[in-house]
C-alpha cells in the first residue's frame, strides 16, 4: 500500500533531476567547458585538428552515416511505421502514448537549447551542419528517447527472449553511437551529449512510470507474438 501510495515520488525525482541537468547547461554556457570536454574533442582529431584520427577515409563518412540515424527525417519514418503497426495491432492507446512522448521530447530538447544558449564548440572544425544551441545534444536526447521507446513498445511483442534482448541491445547501441558521433563530428561538447543522454533517459522513464500507474492500457500486448508461425 505504501509503495502504491508514493509511486509518484520517482517521477517527481526524475523531473527535478532533468531540470537540474538542464540548468547546469547555463553554468557551462557562462563559465566555459570543463577540461574533459576539450580533451575528448581533440582525441578524435589529428594534430592539425582538421581530420578525424579514427576514420580510415580521414574525413567523416562513417560518423555522418551514424549521426543520420538520429536525424529528424529517419526518426519520423521509423516512428510512422511503428505507429502504423500499433494501430494495426489495435493498440490505439500505445500509439497515442508514443506520439505524445516523442513530441514532448522534441519540444523539451528545443526549449532547453533556446533557454541555455550554449555556443557550439570552436576548438575543432564542424563536420556536419548545425543550428540552434549546443546544450543539450538533440541527437543524443531524442535518439535515446526514440530508440528506447521503440524498444519498449516492440520488444514485448516477440515470443523469444533472445529476440527481445536483441531489440533492447540494438536500441542501446544506436543511442550511444548517435551521441558519440556528435562529438566525433565536432558539433557538440561531450557534456552536451552526456546531458542529452541523461535527459532523454529520464524523460522516457518519467513517462513510462506515469503510464504504468495512470494509463496501463499503453502496455497491453496483443494476443499474438511476432515470430509466431
C-alpha atoms as a PDB file:
ATOM      1  CA  UNK A   1       0.000   0.000   0.000  1.00  0.00           C
ATOM      2  CA  UNK A   2       2.824   2.414   0.890  1.00  0.00           C
ATOM      3  CA  UNK A   3       4.605   1.690  -2.375  1.00  0.00           C
ATOM      4  CA  UNK A   4       1.439   2.333  -4.353  1.00  0.00           C
ATOM      5  CA  UNK A   5       0.661   5.483  -2.405  1.00  0.00           C
ATOM      6  CA  UNK A   6       4.025   7.075  -3.077  1.00  0.00           C
ATOM      7  CA  UNK A   7       4.660   5.836  -6.618  1.00  0.00           C
ATOM      8  CA  UNK A   8       4.673   9.459  -7.810  1.00  0.00           C
ATOM      9  CA  UNK A   9       7.864  10.256  -5.885  1.00  0.00           C
ATOM     10  CA  UNK A  10      10.117   8.727  -8.553  1.00  0.00           C
ATOM     11  CA  UNK A  11       8.574  10.712 -11.447  1.00  0.00           C
ATOM     12  CA  UNK A  12       8.986  13.868  -9.356  1.00  0.00           C
ATOM     13  CA  UNK A  13      12.626  13.000  -8.726  1.00  0.00           C
ATOM     14  CA  UNK A  14      13.191  12.318 -12.421  1.00  0.00           C
ATOM     15  CA  UNK A  15      11.600  15.635 -13.353  1.00  0.00           C
ATOM     16  CA  UNK A  16      13.674  17.571 -10.820  1.00  0.00           C
ATOM     17  CA  UNK A  17      16.883  15.870 -11.938  1.00  0.00           C
ATOM     18  CA  UNK A  18      16.027  16.741 -15.548  1.00  0.00           C
ATOM     19  CA  UNK A  19      15.580  20.382 -14.550  1.00  0.00           C
ATOM     20  CA  UNK A  20      18.873  20.292 -12.626  1.00  0.00           C
ATOM     21  CA  UNK A  21      20.822  18.880 -15.568  1.00  0.00           C
ATOM     22  CA  UNK A  22      19.201  21.413 -17.886  1.00  0.00           C
ATOM     23  CA  UNK A  23      20.135  24.220 -15.509  1.00  0.00           C
ATOM     24  CA  UNK A  24      23.744  23.011 -15.467  1.00  0.00           C
ATOM     25  CA  UNK A  25      23.910  23.984 -19.118  1.00  0.00           C
ATOM     26  CA  UNK A  26      23.564  27.642 -18.100  1.00  0.00           C
ATOM     27  CA  UNK A  27      26.696  27.312 -15.974  1.00  0.00           C
ATOM     28  CA  UNK A  28      28.571  25.641 -18.822  1.00  0.00           C
ATOM     29  CA  UNK A  29      27.481  28.384 -21.202  1.00  0.00           C
ATOM     30  CA  UNK A  30      28.641  31.073 -18.781  1.00  0.00           C
ATOM     31  CA  UNK A  31      31.899  29.628 -17.459  1.00  0.00           C
ATOM     32  CA  UNK A  32      33.086  27.591 -20.427  1.00  0.00           C
ATOM     33  CA  UNK A  33      33.670  23.873 -20.986  1.00  0.00           C
ATOM     34  CA  UNK A  34      35.374  21.658 -18.394  1.00  0.00           C
ATOM     35  CA  UNK A  35      38.751  20.148 -19.260  1.00  0.00           C
ATOM     36  CA  UNK A  36      37.349  16.772 -20.310  1.00  0.00           C
ATOM     37  CA  UNK A  37      35.240  18.459 -22.994  1.00  0.00           C
ATOM     38  CA  UNK A  38      38.302  19.770 -24.795  1.00  0.00           C
ATOM     39  CA  UNK A  39      40.301  16.586 -24.285  1.00  0.00           C
ATOM     40  CA  UNK A  40      37.631  14.329 -25.774  1.00  0.00           C
ATOM     41  CA  UNK A  41      37.029  16.654 -28.731  1.00  0.00           C
ATOM     42  CA  UNK A  42      40.731  16.668 -29.585  1.00  0.00           C
ATOM     43  CA  UNK A  43      41.012  12.895 -29.068  1.00  0.00           C
ATOM     44  CA  UNK A  44      39.081  12.363 -32.299  1.00  0.00           C
ATOM     45  CA  UNK A  45      41.306  14.655 -34.375  1.00  0.00           C
ATOM     46  CA  UNK A  46      44.758  14.522 -35.887  1.00  0.00           C
ATOM     47  CA  UNK A  47      47.396  17.009 -34.776  1.00  0.00           C
ATOM     48  CA  UNK A  48      46.213  19.581 -37.321  1.00  0.00           C
ATOM     49  CA  UNK A  49      42.676  19.222 -35.905  1.00  0.00           C
ATOM     50  CA  UNK A  50      41.307  19.005 -39.427  1.00  0.00           C
ATOM     51  CA  UNK A  51      40.721  15.285 -39.930  1.00  0.00           C
ATOM     52  CA  UNK A  52      39.273  12.507 -37.841  1.00  0.00           C
ATOM     53  CA  UNK A  53      42.006  10.373 -36.305  1.00  0.00           C
ATOM     54  CA  UNK A  54      39.961   7.167 -36.281  1.00  0.00           C
ATOM     55  CA  UNK A  55      38.237   7.436 -39.659  1.00  0.00           C
ATOM     56  CA  UNK A  56      40.004   5.367 -42.376  1.00  0.00           C
ATOM     57  CA  UNK A  57      38.935   7.902 -45.011  1.00  0.00           C
ATOM     58  CA  UNK A  58      40.357  10.752 -42.975  1.00  0.00           C
ATOM     59  CA  UNK A  59      37.014  12.518 -43.169  1.00  0.00           C
ATOM     60  CA  UNK A  60      33.617  11.816 -41.732  1.00  0.00           C
ATOM     61  CA  UNK A  61      31.506   9.445 -43.904  1.00  0.00           C
ATOM     62  CA  UNK A  62      31.182   6.777 -41.231  1.00  0.00           C
ATOM     63  CA  UNK A  63      30.262   9.193 -38.462  1.00  0.00           C
ATOM     64  CA  UNK A  64      27.893  11.100 -40.748  1.00  0.00           C
ATOM     65  CA  UNK A  65      26.121   7.844 -41.564  1.00  0.00           C
ATOM     66  CA  UNK A  66      25.788   7.063 -37.855  1.00  0.00           C
ATOM     67  CA  UNK A  67      24.626  10.541 -36.933  1.00  0.00           C
ATOM     68  CA  UNK A  68      21.977  10.404 -39.688  1.00  0.00           C
ATOM     69  CA  UNK A  69      20.207   7.736 -37.643  1.00  0.00           C
ATOM     70  CA  UNK A  70      19.424  10.474 -35.134  1.00  0.00           C
ATOM     71  CA  UNK A  71      18.209  12.977 -37.719  1.00  0.00           C
ATOM     72  CA  UNK A  72      14.564  14.023 -37.691  1.00  0.00           C
ATOM     73  CA  UNK A  73      13.601  12.527 -41.064  1.00  0.00           C
ATOM     74  CA  UNK A  74      14.673   8.904 -40.372  1.00  0.00           C
ATOM     75  CA  UNK A  75      13.061   9.054 -36.945  1.00  0.00           C
ATOM     76  CA  UNK A  76       9.813  10.290 -38.463  1.00  0.00           C
ATOM     77  CA  UNK A  77       9.798   7.440 -40.983  1.00  0.00           C
ATOM     78  CA  UNK A  78      10.508   4.787 -38.352  1.00  0.00           C
ATOM     79  CA  UNK A  79       8.032   6.304 -35.904  1.00  0.00           C
ATOM     80  CA  UNK A  80       5.336   6.339 -38.585  1.00  0.00           C
ATOM     81  CA  UNK A  81       5.976   2.653 -39.295  1.00  0.00           C
ATOM     82  CA  UNK A  82       5.734   1.771 -35.596  1.00  0.00           C
ATOM     83  CA  UNK A  83       2.573   3.845 -35.156  1.00  0.00           C
ATOM     84  CA  UNK A  84       1.039   2.067 -38.160  1.00  0.00           C
ATOM     85  CA  UNK A  85       1.909  -1.310 -36.627  1.00  0.00           C
ATOM     86  CA  UNK A  86       0.436  -0.342 -33.257  1.00  0.00           C
ATOM     87  CA  UNK A  87      -2.795   0.809 -34.872  1.00  0.00           C
ATOM     88  CA  UNK A  88      -2.901  -2.361 -36.975  1.00  0.00           C
ATOM     89  CA  UNK A  89      -2.479  -4.371 -33.765  1.00  0.00           C
ATOM     90  CA  UNK A  90      -5.418  -2.470 -32.199  1.00  0.00           C
ATOM     91  CA  UNK A  91      -3.135  -0.727 -29.709  1.00  0.00           C
ATOM     92  CA  UNK A  92      -4.538   2.772 -30.127  1.00  0.00           C
ATOM     93  CA  UNK A  93      -3.568   3.833 -26.592  1.00  0.00           C
ATOM     94  CA  UNK A  94       0.026   2.735 -27.231  1.00  0.00           C
ATOM     95  CA  UNK A  95       0.137   4.714 -30.477  1.00  0.00           C
ATOM     96  CA  UNK A  96      -1.104   7.861 -28.725  1.00  0.00           C
ATOM     97  CA  UNK A  97       1.465   7.340 -25.963  1.00  0.00           C
ATOM     98  CA  UNK A  98       4.316   7.011 -28.469  1.00  0.00           C
ATOM     99  CA  UNK A  99       3.259  10.202 -30.266  1.00  0.00           C
ATOM    100  CA  UNK A 100       2.946  12.173 -27.019  1.00  0.00           C
ATOM    101  CA  UNK A 101       6.335  11.048 -25.693  1.00  0.00           C
ATOM    102  CA  UNK A 102       8.196  11.786 -28.929  1.00  0.00           C
ATOM    103  CA  UNK A 103       6.602  15.194 -29.473  1.00  0.00           C
ATOM    104  CA  UNK A 104       7.166  16.217 -25.846  1.00  0.00           C
ATOM    105  CA  UNK A 105      10.794  15.098 -26.043  1.00  0.00           C
ATOM    106  CA  UNK A 106      11.426  17.159 -29.166  1.00  0.00           C
ATOM    107  CA  UNK A 107       9.760  20.173 -27.557  1.00  0.00           C
ATOM    108  CA  UNK A 108      11.822  19.697 -24.390  1.00  0.00           C
ATOM    109  CA  UNK A 109      15.087  19.479 -26.333  1.00  0.00           C
ATOM    110  CA  UNK A 110      14.342  22.596 -28.372  1.00  0.00           C
ATOM    111  CA  UNK A 111      13.188  24.592 -25.334  1.00  0.00           C
ATOM    112  CA  UNK A 112      16.274  23.787 -23.267  1.00  0.00           C
ATOM    113  CA  UNK A 113      18.562  24.624 -26.203  1.00  0.00           C
ATOM    114  CA  UNK A 114      16.963  28.051 -26.580  1.00  0.00           C
ATOM    115  CA  UNK A 115      16.939  28.793 -22.843  1.00  0.00           C
ATOM    116  CA  UNK A 116      20.548  27.707 -22.263  1.00  0.00           C
ATOM    117  CA  UNK A 117      22.010  29.238 -25.420  1.00  0.00           C
ATOM    118  CA  UNK A 118      25.372  27.488 -25.217  1.00  0.00           C
ATOM    119  CA  UNK A 119      27.560  28.118 -28.254  1.00  0.00           C
ATOM    120  CA  UNK A 120      28.854  25.250 -30.366  1.00  0.00           C
ATOM    121  CA  UNK A 121      32.468  24.160 -29.760  1.00  0.00           C
ATOM    122  CA  UNK A 122      35.035  26.138 -31.733  1.00  0.00           C
ATOM    123  CA  UNK A 123      38.063  24.060 -30.761  1.00  0.00           C
ATOM    124  CA  UNK A 124      37.732  21.800 -33.808  1.00  0.00           C
ATOM    125  CA  UNK A 125      36.150  22.148 -37.237  1.00  0.00           C
ATOM    126  CA  UNK A 126      32.492  21.179 -37.647  1.00  0.00           C
ATOM    127  CA  UNK A 127      31.997  18.212 -39.983  1.00  0.00           C
ATOM    128  CA  UNK A 128      28.204  18.478 -40.044  1.00  0.00           C
ATOM    129  CA  UNK A 129      25.720  21.301 -40.455  1.00  0.00           C
ATOM    130  CA  UNK A 130      24.128  22.532 -37.235  1.00  0.00           C
ATOM    131  CA  UNK A 131      21.560  25.014 -35.975  1.00  0.00           C
ATOM    132  CA  UNK A 132      20.295  26.265 -32.596  1.00  0.00           C
ATOM    133  CA  UNK A 133      22.372  25.909 -29.448  1.00  0.00           C
ATOM    134  CA  UNK A 134      24.742  23.208 -28.343  1.00  0.00           C
ATOM    135  CA  UNK A 135      23.258  22.140 -24.989  1.00  0.00           C
ATOM    136  CA  UNK A 136      21.894  19.519 -24.785  1.00  0.00           C
ATOM    137  CA  UNK A 137      22.605  17.428 -27.857  1.00  0.00           C
ATOM    138  CA  UNK A 138      19.269  16.995 -29.588  1.00  0.00           C
ATOM    139  CA  UNK A 139      20.556  13.894 -31.367  1.00  0.00           C
ATOM    140  CA  UNK A 140      21.564  12.300 -28.054  1.00  0.00           C
ATOM    141  CA  UNK A 141      18.364  13.295 -26.229  1.00  0.00           C
ATOM    142  CA  UNK A 142      15.904  12.389 -28.962  1.00  0.00           C
ATOM    143  CA  UNK A 143      17.957   9.365 -30.008  1.00  0.00           C
ATOM    144  CA  UNK A 144      17.838   7.644 -26.636  1.00  0.00           C
ATOM    145  CA  UNK A 145      14.208   8.696 -26.204  1.00  0.00           C
ATOM    146  CA  UNK A 146      13.210   7.433 -29.641  1.00  0.00           C
ATOM    147  CA  UNK A 147      15.125   4.150 -29.780  1.00  0.00           C
ATOM    148  CA  UNK A 148      14.393   3.386 -26.133  1.00  0.00           C
ATOM    149  CA  UNK A 149      10.680   3.949 -26.660  1.00  0.00           C
ATOM    150  CA  UNK A 150      10.610   1.870 -29.837  1.00  0.00           C
ATOM    151  CA  UNK A 151      12.281  -0.988 -27.985  1.00  0.00           C
ATOM    152  CA  UNK A 152       9.826  -0.774 -25.084  1.00  0.00           C
ATOM    153  CA  UNK A 153       6.893  -0.906 -27.484  1.00  0.00           C
ATOM    154  CA  UNK A 154       8.161  -3.614 -29.825  1.00  0.00           C
ATOM    155  CA  UNK A 155      10.351  -5.968 -27.784  1.00  0.00           C
ATOM    156  CA  UNK A 156       7.492  -7.439 -25.667  1.00  0.00           C
ATOM    157  CA  UNK A 157       5.743  -8.419 -28.915  1.00  0.00           C
ATOM    158  CA  UNK A 158       8.388 -11.056 -29.608  1.00  0.00           C
ATOM    159  CA  UNK A 159       7.905 -14.535 -28.183  1.00  0.00           C
ATOM    160  CA  UNK A 160      11.553 -15.468 -27.752  1.00  0.00           C
ATOM    161  CA  UNK A 161      13.783 -13.886 -25.144  1.00  0.00           C
ATOM    162  CA  UNK A 162      16.767 -13.708 -27.499  1.00  0.00           C
ATOM    163  CA  UNK A 163      14.706 -11.599 -29.913  1.00  0.00           C
ATOM    164  CA  UNK A 164      13.619  -9.243 -27.139  1.00  0.00           C
ATOM    165  CA  UNK A 165      17.190  -8.857 -25.901  1.00  0.00           C
ATOM    166  CA  UNK A 166      18.348  -8.161 -29.455  1.00  0.00           C
ATOM    167  CA  UNK A 167      15.825  -5.335 -29.769  1.00  0.00           C
ATOM    168  CA  UNK A 168      16.896  -3.772 -26.454  1.00  0.00           C
ATOM    169  CA  UNK A 169      20.606  -4.151 -27.243  1.00  0.00           C
ATOM    170  CA  UNK A 170      20.208  -2.631 -30.704  1.00  0.00           C
ATOM    171  CA  UNK A 171      18.341   0.348 -29.241  1.00  0.00           C
ATOM    172  CA  UNK A 172      21.083   0.915 -26.650  1.00  0.00           C
ATOM    173  CA  UNK A 173      23.913   0.662 -29.203  1.00  0.00           C
ATOM    174  CA  UNK A 174      22.209   3.026 -31.643  1.00  0.00           C
ATOM    175  CA  UNK A 175      21.501   5.579 -28.891  1.00  0.00           C
ATOM    176  CA  UNK A 176      25.112   5.562 -27.723  1.00  0.00           C
ATOM    177  CA  UNK A 177      26.562   5.608 -31.255  1.00  0.00           C
ATOM    178  CA  UNK A 178      24.433   8.566 -32.368  1.00  0.00           C
ATOM    179  CA  UNK A 179      25.504  10.590 -29.339  1.00  0.00           C
ATOM    180  CA  UNK A 180      29.159   9.706 -29.808  1.00  0.00           C
ATOM    181  CA  UNK A 181      29.008  10.722 -33.456  1.00  0.00           C
ATOM    182  CA  UNK A 182      28.123  14.285 -32.459  1.00  0.00           C
ATOM    183  CA  UNK A 183      31.400  14.616 -30.561  1.00  0.00           C
ATOM    184  CA  UNK A 184      33.383  12.960 -33.352  1.00  0.00           C
ATOM    185  CA  UNK A 185      31.947  15.444 -35.840  1.00  0.00           C
ATOM    186  CA  UNK A 186      32.909  18.343 -33.580  1.00  0.00           C
ATOM    187  CA  UNK A 187      29.410  19.809 -33.348  1.00  0.00           C
ATOM    188  CA  UNK A 188      28.860  19.077 -29.657  1.00  0.00           C
ATOM    189  CA  UNK A 189      30.863  19.079 -26.472  1.00  0.00           C
ATOM    190  CA  UNK A 190      30.860  15.699 -24.700  1.00  0.00           C
ATOM    191  CA  UNK A 191      28.979  17.364 -21.821  1.00  0.00           C
ATOM    192  CA  UNK A 192      26.203  18.261 -24.314  1.00  0.00           C
ATOM    193  CA  UNK A 193      25.904  14.592 -25.235  1.00  0.00           C
ATOM    194  CA  UNK A 194      26.034  13.349 -21.633  1.00  0.00           C
ATOM    195  CA  UNK A 195      23.268  15.802 -20.748  1.00  0.00           C
ATOM    196  CA  UNK A 196      21.234  14.694 -23.761  1.00  0.00           C
ATOM    197  CA  UNK A 197      21.539  11.035 -22.793  1.00  0.00           C
ATOM    198  CA  UNK A 198      20.552  11.743 -19.200  1.00  0.00           C
ATOM    199  CA  UNK A 199      17.608  13.999 -20.005  1.00  0.00           C
ATOM    200  CA  UNK A 200      16.342  11.642 -22.715  1.00  0.00           C
ATOM    201  CA  UNK A 201      16.543   8.580 -20.452  1.00  0.00           C
ATOM    202  CA  UNK A 202      14.977  10.429 -17.509  1.00  0.00           C
ATOM    203  CA  UNK A 203      12.162  11.803 -19.668  1.00  0.00           C
ATOM    204  CA  UNK A 204      11.420   8.338 -21.043  1.00  0.00           C
ATOM    205  CA  UNK A 205      11.466   6.769 -17.571  1.00  0.00           C
ATOM    206  CA  UNK A 206       9.161   9.501 -16.264  1.00  0.00           C
ATOM    207  CA  UNK A 207       6.571   8.848 -18.970  1.00  0.00           C
ATOM    208  CA  UNK A 208       6.790   5.065 -18.574  1.00  0.00           C
ATOM    209  CA  UNK A 209       6.207   5.246 -14.814  1.00  0.00           C
ATOM    210  CA  UNK A 210       3.289   7.622 -15.277  1.00  0.00           C
ATOM    211  CA  UNK A 211       1.745   5.355 -17.897  1.00  0.00           C
ATOM    212  CA  UNK A 212       2.201   2.199 -15.813  1.00  0.00           C
ATOM    213  CA  UNK A 213       0.299   3.788 -12.945  1.00  0.00           C
ATOM    214  CA  UNK A 214      -2.201   6.052 -14.707  1.00  0.00           C
ATOM    215  CA  UNK A 215      -2.526   4.674 -18.231  1.00  0.00           C
ATOM    216  CA  UNK A 216      -1.945   0.869 -18.071  1.00  0.00           C
ATOM    217  CA  UNK A 217      -3.662   0.305 -21.441  1.00  0.00           C
ATOM    218  CA  UNK A 218      -0.492   1.595 -23.070  1.00  0.00           C
ATOM    219  CA  UNK A 219       1.424  -1.589 -22.289  1.00  0.00           C
ATOM    220  CA  UNK A 220      -1.282  -4.134 -23.040  1.00  0.00           C
ATOM    221  CA  UNK A 221       0.053  -6.627 -25.557  1.00  0.00           C
ATOM    222  CA  UNK A 222      -1.829  -8.273 -28.445  1.00  0.00           C
ATOM    223  CA  UNK A 223      -2.821 -11.948 -28.040  1.00  0.00           C
ATOM    224  CA  UNK A 224      -0.116 -12.976 -30.504  1.00  0.00           C
ATOM    225  CA  UNK A 225       3.638 -12.515 -30.710  1.00  0.00           C
ATOM    226  CA  UNK A 226       5.905 -11.507 -33.580  1.00  0.00           C
ATOM    227  CA  UNK A 227       7.640 -14.575 -34.886  1.00  0.00           C
ATOM    228  CA  UNK A 228       4.657 -16.881 -34.445  1.00  0.00           C
ATOM    229  CA  UNK A 229       4.170 -19.310 -37.265  1.00  0.00           C
END
